[in-house]
Amino acid sequence: MGAKGKIALGVVVSVVVIGAVSANAGDDGDSGSGGNGKDSAASAERESGTKSDAGSDTEADADTKKDTKADKAEKKVAFQGDGDFEVGTDVKPGTYRTTGNTDALCYWERAKDASGEMDSILANDNVSGTSYVTIPAGDKLFKSSGCKDWEAVDAKATGTPAALVKGDGGMHRVGVDIAPGTYRSTGNTDDLCYWERTKDASHSMETILANNNVSGTAVVTVATGDAYFKTTGCKDWKKTG
């Protein structure tokens, strides 16, 4: 019953998309003038032999570290979670991730044009938790509504794969977010638990390796060669083997 479960969850069109939002966060302006002022004051104190020399340098270093951390945090955001984004202009082709979404209120859509018609939809989803999406160069538009900000994903990124994952956590990257192996989820009701193994994050039907809607206990083996494991509406998954 794989395809049936996917279609029920994937095709969504009754979503009002909020107006376009500027995609890429700009860099902060030059901080040269502020830095020169502090340097001049520090130099003057050094020449006069005052004890405030070390204190000023320490404070300046602390401010620099704070600014560096803030810049790194800001640069993680590739584009915002609300808006229509033209591929190649507002957003570069690549793989992106949004996290912390709740109650399936986050909706995204890959489209081949801006007509807004059903035929233009290449892939879409309502998201609880985390979602990964690969936007190919051939796409024309990416829509996002009610989602947290999207971050660019480094294909070479590493992590500490978990052996216990939330059953409503969305997509987990195999080998980074979740360890390969056999997992068990118990206590699911009314076929609301849906899981999916995929070979990439394009969300095309052809990329689904296996999927199911589950009542009761669910057992699935996430293979080393899988790219992502998606879970929604399930009880937590625990690695058993």
Protein backbone atom coordinates (compact mmCIF):
# COMPACT_ATOMS: atom_id res chain seq x y z
CA MET A 1 0.00 0.00 0.00
CA GLY A 2 3.01 2.16 -0.51
CA ALA A 3 1.87 4.59 -3.21
CA LYS A 4 -1.53 5.17 -1.64
CA GLY A 5 0.00 6.41 1.59
CA LYS A 6 2.35 8.75 -0.23
CA ILE A 7 -0.36 10.31 -2.39
CA ALA A 8 -2.59 10.95 0.60
CA LEU A 9 0.16 12.84 2.38
CA GLY A 10 1.96 14.49 -0.50
CA VAL A 11 -0.51 16.25 -2.78
CA VAL A 12 -1.78 19.40 -1.14
CA VAL A 13 -3.11 22.42 -2.95
CA SER A 14 -5.56 24.16 -0.61
CA VAL A 15 -2.91 26.38 0.94
CA VAL A 16 -2.86 30.14 0.75
CA VAL A 17 0.73 31.20 0.19
CA ILE A 18 1.75 34.46 1.81
CA GLY A 19 3.31 37.11 -0.45
CA ALA A 20 6.88 36.89 -1.71
CA VAL A 21 9.68 37.44 0.74
CA SER A 22 13.27 38.41 -0.03
CA ALA A 23 15.21 35.17 -0.11
CA ASN A 24 18.81 35.70 0.81
CA ALA A 25 19.81 37.34 4.04
CA GLY A 26 22.24 40.17 3.27
CA ASP A 27 25.56 40.61 4.98
CA ASP A 28 25.88 43.22 7.66
CA GLY A 29 27.52 46.48 6.65
CA ASP A 30 31.26 47.07 7.14
CA SER A 31 32.30 47.36 10.76
CA GLY A 32 35.51 49.10 9.85
CA SER A 33 34.73 52.50 11.37
CA GLY A 34 33.74 50.99 14.73
CA GLY A 35 36.83 48.82 14.78
CA ASN A 36 39.14 51.76 13.94
CA GLY A 37 37.76 53.79 16.83
CA LYS A 38 38.46 51.04 19.33
CA ASP A 39 41.93 50.45 17.88
CA SER A 40 42.80 54.15 18.13
CA ALA A 41 41.68 54.32 21.74
CA ALA A 42 43.63 51.18 22.58
CA SER A 43 46.75 52.57 20.90
CA ALA A 44 46.49 55.83 22.83
CA GLU A 45 46.22 53.92 26.10
CA ARG A 46 49.24 51.79 25.23
CA GLU A 47 51.32 54.90 24.56
CA SER A 48 50.30 56.46 27.87
CA GLY A 49 51.10 53.23 29.73
CA THR A 50 47.66 52.91 31.34
CA LYS A 51 46.46 49.57 32.78
CA SER A 52 43.25 49.69 30.78
CA ASP A 53 45.22 48.38 27.78
CA ALA A 54 44.63 44.69 28.49
CA GLY A 55 41.02 45.24 29.48
CA SER A 56 40.20 47.07 26.25
CA ASP A 57 41.84 44.39 24.13
CA THR A 58 39.95 41.66 25.99
CA GLU A 59 36.62 43.43 25.52
CA ALA A 60 37.34 44.04 21.84
CA ASP A 61 38.25 40.38 21.34
CA ALA A 62 35.04 39.31 23.10
CA ASP A 63 32.99 41.63 20.87
CA THR A 64 34.70 40.23 17.78
CA LYS A 65 33.94 36.65 18.83
CA LYS A 66 30.29 37.55 19.44
CA ASP A 67 30.04 39.19 16.03
CA THR A 68 31.67 36.19 14.36
CA LYS A 69 29.22 33.79 16.00
CA ALA A 70 26.29 36.01 15.01
CA ASP A 71 27.53 36.16 11.39
CA LYS A 72 27.88 32.36 11.24
CA ALA A 73 24.37 31.89 12.66
CA GLU A 74 22.93 34.37 10.17
CA LYS A 75 24.67 32.83 7.17
CA LYS A 76 23.05 29.45 7.90
CA VAL A 77 19.71 30.83 6.69
CA ALA A 78 19.43 30.43 2.93
CA PHE A 79 15.89 31.79 2.61
CA GLN A 80 12.83 32.39 4.73
CA GLY A 81 9.97 30.01 5.45
CA ASP A 82 7.24 32.13 3.85
CA GLY A 83 7.20 33.19 0.22
CA ASP A 84 7.55 32.29 -3.45
CA PHE A 85 11.16 31.97 -4.62
CA GLU A 86 12.39 31.84 -8.22
CA VAL A 87 14.99 29.12 -8.66
CA GLY A 88 18.28 30.56 -9.86
CA THR A 89 17.33 34.10 -8.84
CA ASP A 90 16.02 33.99 -5.27
CA VAL A 91 17.28 30.54 -4.35
CA LYS A 92 20.13 28.49 -5.79
CA PRO A 93 19.60 24.85 -6.80
CA GLY A 94 20.63 22.53 -3.98
CA THR A 95 19.41 20.69 -0.90
CA TYR A 96 17.80 22.60 1.96
CA ARG A 97 16.44 21.78 5.41
CA THR A 98 13.80 23.31 7.67
CA THR A 99 13.43 22.22 11.31
CA GLY A 100 11.12 22.77 14.26
CA ASN A 101 7.81 22.79 12.36
CA THR A 102 4.69 21.64 14.23
CA ASP A 103 1.20 20.33 13.44
CA ALA A 104 1.86 19.97 9.68
CA LEU A 105 1.36 23.74 9.23
CA CYS A 106 4.53 24.01 7.16
CA TYR A 107 3.79 23.58 3.44
CA TRP A 108 6.33 23.59 0.59
CA GLU A 109 6.04 23.07 -3.12
CA ARG A 110 8.38 22.58 -6.09
CA ALA A 111 6.86 23.91 -9.32
CA LYS A 112 7.81 23.95 -12.99
CA ASP A 113 6.20 27.37 -13.54
CA ALA A 114 4.36 30.15 -11.70
CA SER A 115 0.87 29.41 -13.05
CA GLY A 116 -0.32 28.06 -9.70
CA GLU A 117 -2.14 25.24 -11.47
CA MET A 118 -2.14 21.59 -10.42
CA ASP A 119 -0.11 20.57 -13.46
CA SER A 120 2.73 22.86 -12.42
CA ILE A 121 3.38 21.00 -9.13
CA LEU A 122 6.44 18.75 -9.28
CA ALA A 123 6.39 17.77 -5.58
CA ASN A 124 4.94 19.10 -2.33
CA ASP A 125 4.35 18.21 1.30
CA ASN A 126 2.86 19.27 4.63
CA VAL A 127 5.60 19.01 7.25
CA SER A 128 5.78 18.19 10.94
CA GLY A 129 9.27 18.38 12.40
CA THR A 130 12.07 18.43 9.84
CA SER A 131 12.00 18.41 6.04
CA TYR A 132 14.80 18.12 3.50
CA VAL A 133 14.15 19.21 -0.08
CA THR A 134 16.44 19.09 -3.10
CA ILE A 135 15.65 21.84 -5.62
CA PRO A 136 17.04 20.94 -9.09
CA ALA A 137 18.21 23.56 -11.57
CA GLY A 138 15.26 22.71 -13.83
CA ASP A 139 12.66 23.89 -11.28
CA LYS A 140 11.22 27.38 -11.78
CA LEU A 141 9.58 28.14 -8.43
CA PHE A 142 9.82 27.01 -4.83
CA LYS A 143 6.92 27.89 -2.51
CA SER A 144 7.07 27.80 1.29
CA SER A 145 4.33 28.70 3.74
CA GLY A 146 4.32 28.51 7.54
CA CYS A 147 7.76 26.89 7.67
CA LYS A 148 10.82 27.72 9.73
CA ASP A 149 13.72 29.26 7.81
CA TRP A 150 15.46 27.02 5.28
CA GLU A 151 19.17 26.23 5.67
CA ALA A 152 21.53 24.99 2.98
CA VAL A 153 22.69 21.40 3.54
CA ASP A 154 26.32 20.42 3.14
CA ALA A 155 26.47 17.10 1.30
CA LYS A 156 29.64 16.23 3.21
CA ALA A 157 28.20 17.10 6.62
CA THR A 158 28.60 14.53 9.37
CA GLY A 159 26.72 13.99 12.59
CA THR A 160 26.06 11.59 15.43
CA PRO A 161 23.35 9.24 14.10
CA ALA A 162 20.62 8.54 16.66
CA ALA A 163 19.22 5.12 17.59
CA LEU A 164 15.97 6.67 18.86
CA VAL A 165 14.02 9.15 16.73
CA LYS A 166 10.72 10.97 17.15
CA GLY A 167 7.84 9.34 15.33
CA ASP A 168 6.49 12.70 14.21
CA GLY A 169 9.92 14.16 13.54
CA GLY A 170 9.69 14.34 9.76
CA MET A 171 12.74 13.47 7.65
CA HIS A 172 15.95 12.04 9.05
CA ARG A 173 19.15 11.88 7.00
CA VAL A 174 20.54 8.34 7.15
CA GLY A 175 24.04 8.21 8.59
CA VAL A 176 23.79 11.76 9.91
CA ASP A 177 20.49 12.07 11.82
CA ILE A 178 19.60 8.39 12.12
CA ALA A 179 21.77 5.27 12.17
CA PRO A 180 21.04 2.47 9.69
CA GLY A 181 19.38 -0.57 11.26
CA THR A 182 16.02 -2.08 12.18
CA TYR A 183 13.57 0.14 14.09
CA ARG A 184 10.33 -0.53 15.94
CA SER A 185 7.41 1.81 16.68
CA THR A 186 4.52 0.63 18.88
CA GLY A 187 1.11 1.98 19.84
CA ASN A 188 0.12 3.50 16.49
CA THR A 189 -3.60 3.91 15.79
CA ASP A 190 -5.97 4.48 12.85
CA ASP A 191 -3.35 4.23 10.08
CA LEU A 192 -2.07 7.68 11.05
CA CYS A 193 1.52 6.48 11.29
CA TYR A 194 3.29 6.86 7.95
CA TRP A 195 6.92 5.97 7.20
CA GLU A 196 8.99 6.21 4.06
CA ARG A 197 12.48 5.21 2.90
CA THR A 198 13.86 7.29 0.02
CA LYS A 199 16.94 7.49 -2.17
CA ASP A 200 17.04 11.31 -2.30
CA ALA A 201 15.19 14.45 -1.17
CA SER A 202 13.45 15.38 -4.43
CA HIS A 203 10.16 13.90 -3.14
CA SER A 204 9.37 12.46 -6.56
CA MET A 205 7.35 9.25 -6.55
CA GLU A 206 10.22 7.45 -8.29
CA THR A 207 12.59 8.09 -5.36
CA ILE A 208 10.49 6.16 -2.82
CA LEU A 209 12.17 2.87 -1.95
CA ALA A 210 9.38 1.71 0.42
CA ASN A 211 6.57 3.21 2.50
CA ASN A 212 3.51 2.27 4.55
CA ASN A 213 0.59 3.48 6.65
CA VAL A 214 0.60 1.60 9.95
CA SER A 215 -1.79 0.68 12.75
CA GLY A 216 -0.32 -1.00 15.81
CA THR A 217 3.33 -2.02 15.77
CA ALA A 218 5.59 -1.00 12.89
CA VAL A 219 8.98 -2.51 12.09
CA VAL A 220 11.25 -1.20 9.33
CA THR A 221 14.88 -1.68 8.37
CA VAL A 222 16.65 1.53 7.33
CA ALA A 223 19.44 0.44 4.97
CA THR A 224 22.91 1.96 4.81
CA GLY A 225 22.28 2.92 1.18
CA ASP A 226 19.08 4.84 2.00
CA ALA A 227 19.32 8.62 1.84
CA TYR A 228 16.43 9.59 4.14
CA PHE A 229 13.86 8.06 6.47
CA LYS A 230 10.59 9.96 6.83
CA THR A 231 8.11 9.44 9.67
CA THR A 232 4.92 11.27 10.56
CA GLY A 233 2.12 10.52 13.03
CA CYS A 234 3.99 7.56 14.52
CA LYS A 235 5.14 6.75 18.01
CA ASP A 236 8.88 7.09 18.55
CA TRP A 237 11.16 4.67 16.71
CA LYS A 238 13.72 2.65 18.68
CA LYS A 239 16.58 0.77 17.07
CA THR A 240 16.35 -2.95 17.79
CA GLY A 241 18.97 -4.35 15.50
